[in-house]
C-alpha atoms as a PDB file:
ATOM      1  CA  UNK A   1     -10.802   0.473   2.992  1.00  0.00           C
ATOM      2  CA  UNK A   2     -14.020  -1.443   2.852  1.00  0.00           C
ATOM      3  CA  UNK A   3     -14.626  -2.769  -0.668  1.00  0.00           C
ATOM      4  CA  UNK A   4     -17.248  -1.181  -2.910  1.00  0.00           C
ATOM      5  CA  UNK A   5     -20.700  -2.681  -2.595  1.00  0.00           C
ATOM      6  CA  UNK A   6     -21.718  -4.140  -5.936  1.00  0.00           C
ATOM      7  CA  UNK A   7     -25.422  -5.029  -6.080  1.00  0.00           C
ATOM      8  CA  UNK A   8     -26.023  -8.702  -6.875  1.00  0.00           C
ATOM      9  CA  UNK A   9     -22.452  -9.810  -6.131  1.00  0.00           C
ATOM     10  CA  UNK A  10     -20.978 -11.770  -3.234  1.00  0.00           C
ATOM     11  CA  UNK A  11     -19.178  -9.794  -0.510  1.00  0.00           C
ATOM     12  CA  UNK A  12     -15.462  -9.545  -1.201  1.00  0.00           C
ATOM     13  CA  UNK A  13     -12.467  -9.394   1.093  1.00  0.00           C
ATOM     14  CA  UNK A  14     -13.582  -7.242   4.038  1.00  0.00           C
ATOM     15  CA  UNK A  15     -10.720  -4.754   3.545  1.00  0.00           C
ATOM     16  CA  UNK A  16      -8.721  -3.447   0.598  1.00  0.00           C
ATOM     17  CA  UNK A  17      -5.189  -2.379   1.431  1.00  0.00           C
ATOM     18  CA  UNK A  18      -3.870  -1.921  -2.112  1.00  0.00           C
ATOM     19  CA  UNK A  19      -5.042   0.573  -4.725  1.00  0.00           C
ATOM     20  CA  UNK A  20      -3.885  -0.461  -8.179  1.00  0.00           C
ATOM     21  CA  UNK A  21      -6.648   0.507 -10.615  1.00  0.00           C
ATOM     22  CA  UNK A  22      -6.654   4.269 -10.165  1.00  0.00           C
ATOM     23  CA  UNK A  23      -9.128   4.606 -13.047  1.00  0.00           C
ATOM     24  CA  UNK A  24     -11.821   2.984 -10.898  1.00  0.00           C
ATOM     25  CA  UNK A  25     -14.580   5.418  -9.967  1.00  0.00           C
ATOM     26  CA  UNK A  26     -14.436   3.981  -6.433  1.00  0.00           C
ATOM     27  CA  UNK A  27     -10.823   5.113  -5.930  1.00  0.00           C
ATOM     28  CA  UNK A  28     -11.132   8.339  -7.944  1.00  0.00           C
ATOM     29  CA  UNK A  29     -13.632   9.626  -5.389  1.00  0.00           C
ATOM     30  CA  UNK A  30     -10.679   9.921  -2.977  1.00  0.00           C
ATOM     31  CA  UNK A  31      -7.796  10.442  -5.403  1.00  0.00           C
ATOM     32  CA  UNK A  32      -9.362  13.585  -6.878  1.00  0.00           C
ATOM     33  CA  UNK A  33      -9.361  15.328  -3.495  1.00  0.00           C
ATOM     34  CA  UNK A  34      -5.910  16.130  -2.103  1.00  0.00           C
ATOM     35  CA  UNK A  35      -7.473  16.299   1.368  1.00  0.00           C
ATOM     36  CA  UNK A  36      -8.080  12.512   1.108  1.00  0.00           C
ATOM     37  CA  UNK A  37      -4.471  11.713   0.229  1.00  0.00           C
ATOM     38  CA  UNK A  38      -2.005  10.756   2.931  1.00  0.00           C
ATOM     39  CA  UNK A  39       1.546   9.629   3.522  1.00  0.00           C
ATOM     40  CA  UNK A  40       1.823   6.139   4.997  1.00  0.00           C
ATOM     41  CA  UNK A  41       5.051   6.004   7.044  1.00  0.00           C
ATOM     42  CA  UNK A  42       7.033   2.758   6.865  1.00  0.00           C
ATOM     43  CA  UNK A  43      10.551   1.629   7.589  1.00  0.00           C
ATOM     44  CA  UNK A  44      10.175  -1.716   5.797  1.00  0.00           C
ATOM     45  CA  UNK A  45       7.516  -3.816   4.090  1.00  0.00           C
ATOM     46  CA  UNK A  46       7.111  -7.510   3.317  1.00  0.00           C
ATOM     47  CA  UNK A  47       6.109  -9.414   0.225  1.00  0.00           C
ATOM     48  CA  UNK A  48       5.478 -13.162   0.004  1.00  0.00           C
ATOM     49  CA  UNK A  49       7.943 -15.212  -2.012  1.00  0.00           C
ATOM     50  CA  UNK A  50       5.762 -17.991  -3.385  1.00  0.00           C
ATOM     51  CA  UNK A  51       8.643 -19.475  -5.362  1.00  0.00           C
ATOM     52  CA  UNK A  52       9.857 -21.384  -2.306  1.00  0.00           C
ATOM     53  CA  UNK A  53       7.252 -24.157  -2.339  1.00  0.00           C
ATOM     54  CA  UNK A  54       3.808 -24.500  -0.801  1.00  0.00           C
ATOM     55  CA  UNK A  55       4.549 -22.137   2.110  1.00  0.00           C
ATOM     56  CA  UNK A  56       5.027 -18.413   1.473  1.00  0.00           C
ATOM     57  CA  UNK A  57       8.360 -17.059   2.647  1.00  0.00           C
ATOM     58  CA  UNK A  58       8.105 -13.433   3.772  1.00  0.00           C
ATOM     59  CA  UNK A  59      10.818 -11.155   2.420  1.00  0.00           C
ATOM     60  CA  UNK A  60      11.283  -7.695   3.915  1.00  0.00           C
ATOM     61  CA  UNK A  61      12.411  -4.661   1.917  1.00  0.00           C
ATOM     62  CA  UNK A  62      13.784  -1.309   3.099  1.00  0.00           C
ATOM     63  CA  UNK A  63      16.012   1.393   1.680  1.00  0.00           C
ATOM     64  CA  UNK A  64      18.955  -0.105   3.560  1.00  0.00           C
ATOM     65  CA  UNK A  65      19.804  -2.067   6.719  1.00  0.00           C
ATOM     66  CA  UNK A  66      19.247   1.010   8.924  1.00  0.00           C
ATOM     67  CA  UNK A  67      15.608   1.082   7.710  1.00  0.00           C
ATOM     68  CA  UNK A  68      15.182   4.845   7.297  1.00  0.00           C
ATOM     69  CA  UNK A  69      11.695   6.262   7.246  1.00  0.00           C
ATOM     70  CA  UNK A  70      10.015   6.257   3.838  1.00  0.00           C
ATOM     71  CA  UNK A  71       6.428   6.794   2.725  1.00  0.00           C
ATOM     72  CA  UNK A  72       3.796   5.023   0.637  1.00  0.00           C
ATOM     73  CA  UNK A  73       1.299   7.115  -1.359  1.00  0.00           C
ATOM     74  CA  UNK A  74      -1.997   6.593   0.455  1.00  0.00           C
ATOM     75  CA  UNK A  75      -5.621   7.641   0.580  1.00  0.00           C
ATOM     76  CA  UNK A  76      -7.854   7.779   3.647  1.00  0.00           C
ATOM     77  CA  UNK A  77     -11.486   8.178   4.647  1.00  0.00           C
ATOM     78  CA  UNK A  78     -13.834   7.967   7.579  1.00  0.00           C
ATOM     79  CA  UNK A  79     -15.817   4.725   7.779  1.00  0.00           C
ATOM     80  CA  UNK A  80     -18.587   3.510  10.055  1.00  0.00           C
ATOM     81  CA  UNK A  81     -18.570  -0.239  10.735  1.00  0.00           C
ATOM     82  CA  UNK A  82     -16.957  -3.144  12.583  1.00  0.00           C
ATOM     83  CA  UNK A  83     -13.142  -3.317  12.420  1.00  0.00           C
ATOM     84  CA  UNK A  84     -12.833  -5.953  15.128  1.00  0.00           C
ATOM     85  CA  UNK A  85     -13.018  -9.707  15.263  1.00  0.00           C
ATOM     86  CA  UNK A  86     -15.932 -11.972  16.110  1.00  0.00           C
ATOM     87  CA  UNK A  87     -14.518 -12.349  19.626  1.00  0.00           C
ATOM     88  CA  UNK A  88     -13.697  -8.651  20.074  1.00  0.00           C
ATOM     89  CA  UNK A  89     -15.892  -6.443  17.875  1.00  0.00           C
ATOM     90  CA  UNK A  90     -14.886  -2.814  17.334  1.00  0.00           C
ATOM     91  CA  UNK A  91     -18.007  -1.133  15.999  1.00  0.00           C
ATOM     92  CA  UNK A  92     -17.970   2.600  15.438  1.00  0.00           C
ATOM     93  CA  UNK A  93     -16.376   5.368  13.438  1.00  0.00           C
ATOM     94  CA  UNK A  94     -12.895   4.633  12.083  1.00  0.00           C
ATOM     95  CA  UNK A  95     -10.284   6.358   9.961  1.00  0.00           C
ATOM     96  CA  UNK A  96      -9.141   3.836   7.343  1.00  0.00           C
ATOM     97  CA  UNK A  97      -6.522   3.980   4.596  1.00  0.00           C
ATOM     98  CA  UNK A  98      -5.180   2.096   1.591  1.00  0.00           C
ATOM     99  CA  UNK A  99      -1.986   2.653  -0.346  1.00  0.00           C
ATOM    100  CA  UNK A 100      -1.212   2.723  -4.040  1.00  0.00           C
ATOM    101  CA  UNK A 101       0.696  -0.039  -5.774  1.00  0.00           C
ATOM    102  CA  UNK A 102       2.317  -0.224  -9.173  1.00  0.00           C
ATOM    103  CA  UNK A 103       4.294  -2.681 -11.291  1.00  0.00           C
ATOM    104  CA  UNK A 104       6.932  -4.632  -9.405  1.00  0.00           C
ATOM    105  CA  UNK A 105      10.206  -2.763  -9.088  1.00  0.00           C
ATOM    106  CA  UNK A 106      13.453  -4.359 -10.292  1.00  0.00           C
ATOM    107  CA  UNK A 107      14.379  -5.022  -6.639  1.00  0.00           C
ATOM    108  CA  UNK A 108      11.058  -6.622  -5.650  1.00  0.00           C
ATOM    109  CA  UNK A 109      10.144  -8.469  -8.893  1.00  0.00           C
ATOM    110  CA  UNK A 110      12.357 -11.555  -8.298  1.00  0.00           C
ATOM    111  CA  UNK A 111      10.456 -12.186  -5.037  1.00  0.00           C
ATOM    112  CA  UNK A 112       6.998 -10.793  -5.825  1.00  0.00           C
ATOM    113  CA  UNK A 113       6.473 -10.067  -9.538  1.00  0.00           C
ATOM    114  CA  UNK A 114       2.944  -8.679  -9.134  1.00  0.00           C
ATOM    115  CA  UNK A 115       3.375  -5.257  -7.538  1.00  0.00           C
ATOM    116  CA  UNK A 116       5.320  -2.823  -5.394  1.00  0.00           C
ATOM    117  CA  UNK A 117       3.907  -0.074  -3.166  1.00  0.00           C
ATOM    118  CA  UNK A 118       4.189   3.425  -4.613  1.00  0.00           C
ATOM    119  CA  UNK A 119       7.140   4.865  -2.692  1.00  0.00           C
ATOM    120  CA  UNK A 120       7.584   8.591  -2.155  1.00  0.00           C
ATOM    121  CA  UNK A 121      11.310   8.702  -1.455  1.00  0.00           C
ATOM    122  CA  UNK A 122      11.955  12.440  -1.448  1.00  0.00           C
ATOM    123  CA  UNK A 123      10.265  15.625  -0.296  1.00  0.00           C
ATOM    124  CA  UNK A 124       9.367  16.706  -3.841  1.00  0.00           C
ATOM    125  CA  UNK A 125       7.466  13.447  -4.464  1.00  0.00           C
ATOM    126  CA  UNK A 126       5.655  13.744  -1.122  1.00  0.00           C
ATOM    127  CA  UNK A 127       4.691  17.351  -1.890  1.00  0.00           C
ATOM    128  CA  UNK A 128       3.459  16.364  -5.366  1.00  0.00           C
ATOM    129  CA  UNK A 129       1.372  13.501  -3.944  1.00  0.00           C
ATOM    130  CA  UNK A 130      -0.218  15.627  -1.242  1.00  0.00           C
ATOM    131  CA  UNK A 131      -0.975  18.770  -3.263  1.00  0.00           C
ATOM    132  CA  UNK A 132      -0.976  18.260  -7.033  1.00  0.00           C
ATOM    133  CA  UNK A 133      -4.076  17.733  -9.156  1.00  0.00           C
ATOM    134  CA  UNK A 134      -4.934  14.037  -9.468  1.00  0.00           C
ATOM    135  CA  UNK A 135      -3.448  13.622 -12.961  1.00  0.00           C
ATOM    136  CA  UNK A 136      -0.101  15.027 -11.819  1.00  0.00           C
ATOM    137  CA  UNK A 137      -0.139  13.126  -8.518  1.00  0.00           C
ATOM    138  CA  UNK A 138      -0.769   9.829 -10.327  1.00  0.00           C
ATOM    139  CA  UNK A 139       2.423  10.289 -12.363  1.00  0.00           C
ATOM    140  CA  UNK A 140       4.090   8.990  -9.177  1.00  0.00           C
ATOM    141  CA  UNK A 141       2.419   5.584  -9.638  1.00  0.00           C
ATOM    142  CA  UNK A 142       5.553   3.932 -10.983  1.00  0.00           C
ATOM    143  CA  UNK A 143       8.142   1.525  -9.586  1.00  0.00           C
ATOM    144  CA  UNK A 144      11.132   2.968  -7.757  1.00  0.00           C
ATOM    145  CA  UNK A 145      14.414   2.654  -9.648  1.00  0.00           C
ATOM    146  CA  UNK A 146      16.686  -0.377  -9.368  1.00  0.00           C
ATOM    147  CA  UNK A 147      18.752  -0.220  -6.204  1.00  0.00           C
ATOM    148  CA  UNK A 148      16.219   1.868  -4.244  1.00  0.00           C
ATOM    149  CA  UNK A 149      15.295  -1.138  -2.076  1.00  0.00           C
ATOM    150  CA  UNK A 150      17.312  -3.857  -0.361  1.00  0.00           C
ATOM    151  CA  UNK A 151      16.247  -7.154   1.194  1.00  0.00           C
ATOM    152  CA  UNK A 152      16.709  -6.693   4.951  1.00  0.00           C
ATOM    153  CA  UNK A 153      15.073  -9.840   6.379  1.00  0.00           C
ATOM    154  CA  UNK A 154      13.765 -13.186   5.112  1.00  0.00           C
ATOM    155  CA  UNK A 155      11.357 -15.767   6.520  1.00  0.00           C
ATOM    156  CA  UNK A 156      10.105 -13.744   9.461  1.00  0.00           C
ATOM    157  CA  UNK A 157       6.514 -12.651  10.052  1.00  0.00           C
ATOM    158  CA  UNK A 158       7.743  -9.286  11.235  1.00  0.00           C
ATOM    159  CA  UNK A 159      10.814  -7.170  10.735  1.00  0.00           C
ATOM    160  CA  UNK A 160      12.410  -7.288  14.173  1.00  0.00           C
ATOM    161  CA  UNK A 161      14.975  -4.587  13.480  1.00  0.00           C
END
């Protein structure tokens, strides 16, 4: 998502991938409307382990070594702008998304104590996220239980499995 424009402030990071403060009016615009919610399919995700010295070590998490499909709780919108680089601009209409995060789960906290994506690990959770009123859908913004995630790769920029 592009960040909100705040008059009189400096431009922020050009894109926001994580939604944490669901009480923000900026995010509620999309959270209130089930048609702006989405499922973000993933088989694994990485978090930086900054406890290893000056260089971040990427640690990859999945449900298990087979990396079954799972979903993040996401929101989407249409956006008009430049999604490219200086060398290769990509100006036009784009569909963009961000995903919700929550407190670090017991499995992720030792590596990245700040946050964990909101995981929708079963059909009932996915149905609730996609169709429930906002207040009920946001009950899913909680860490997955201990043991739901395993470390499946360390110190790689991508999960090669």
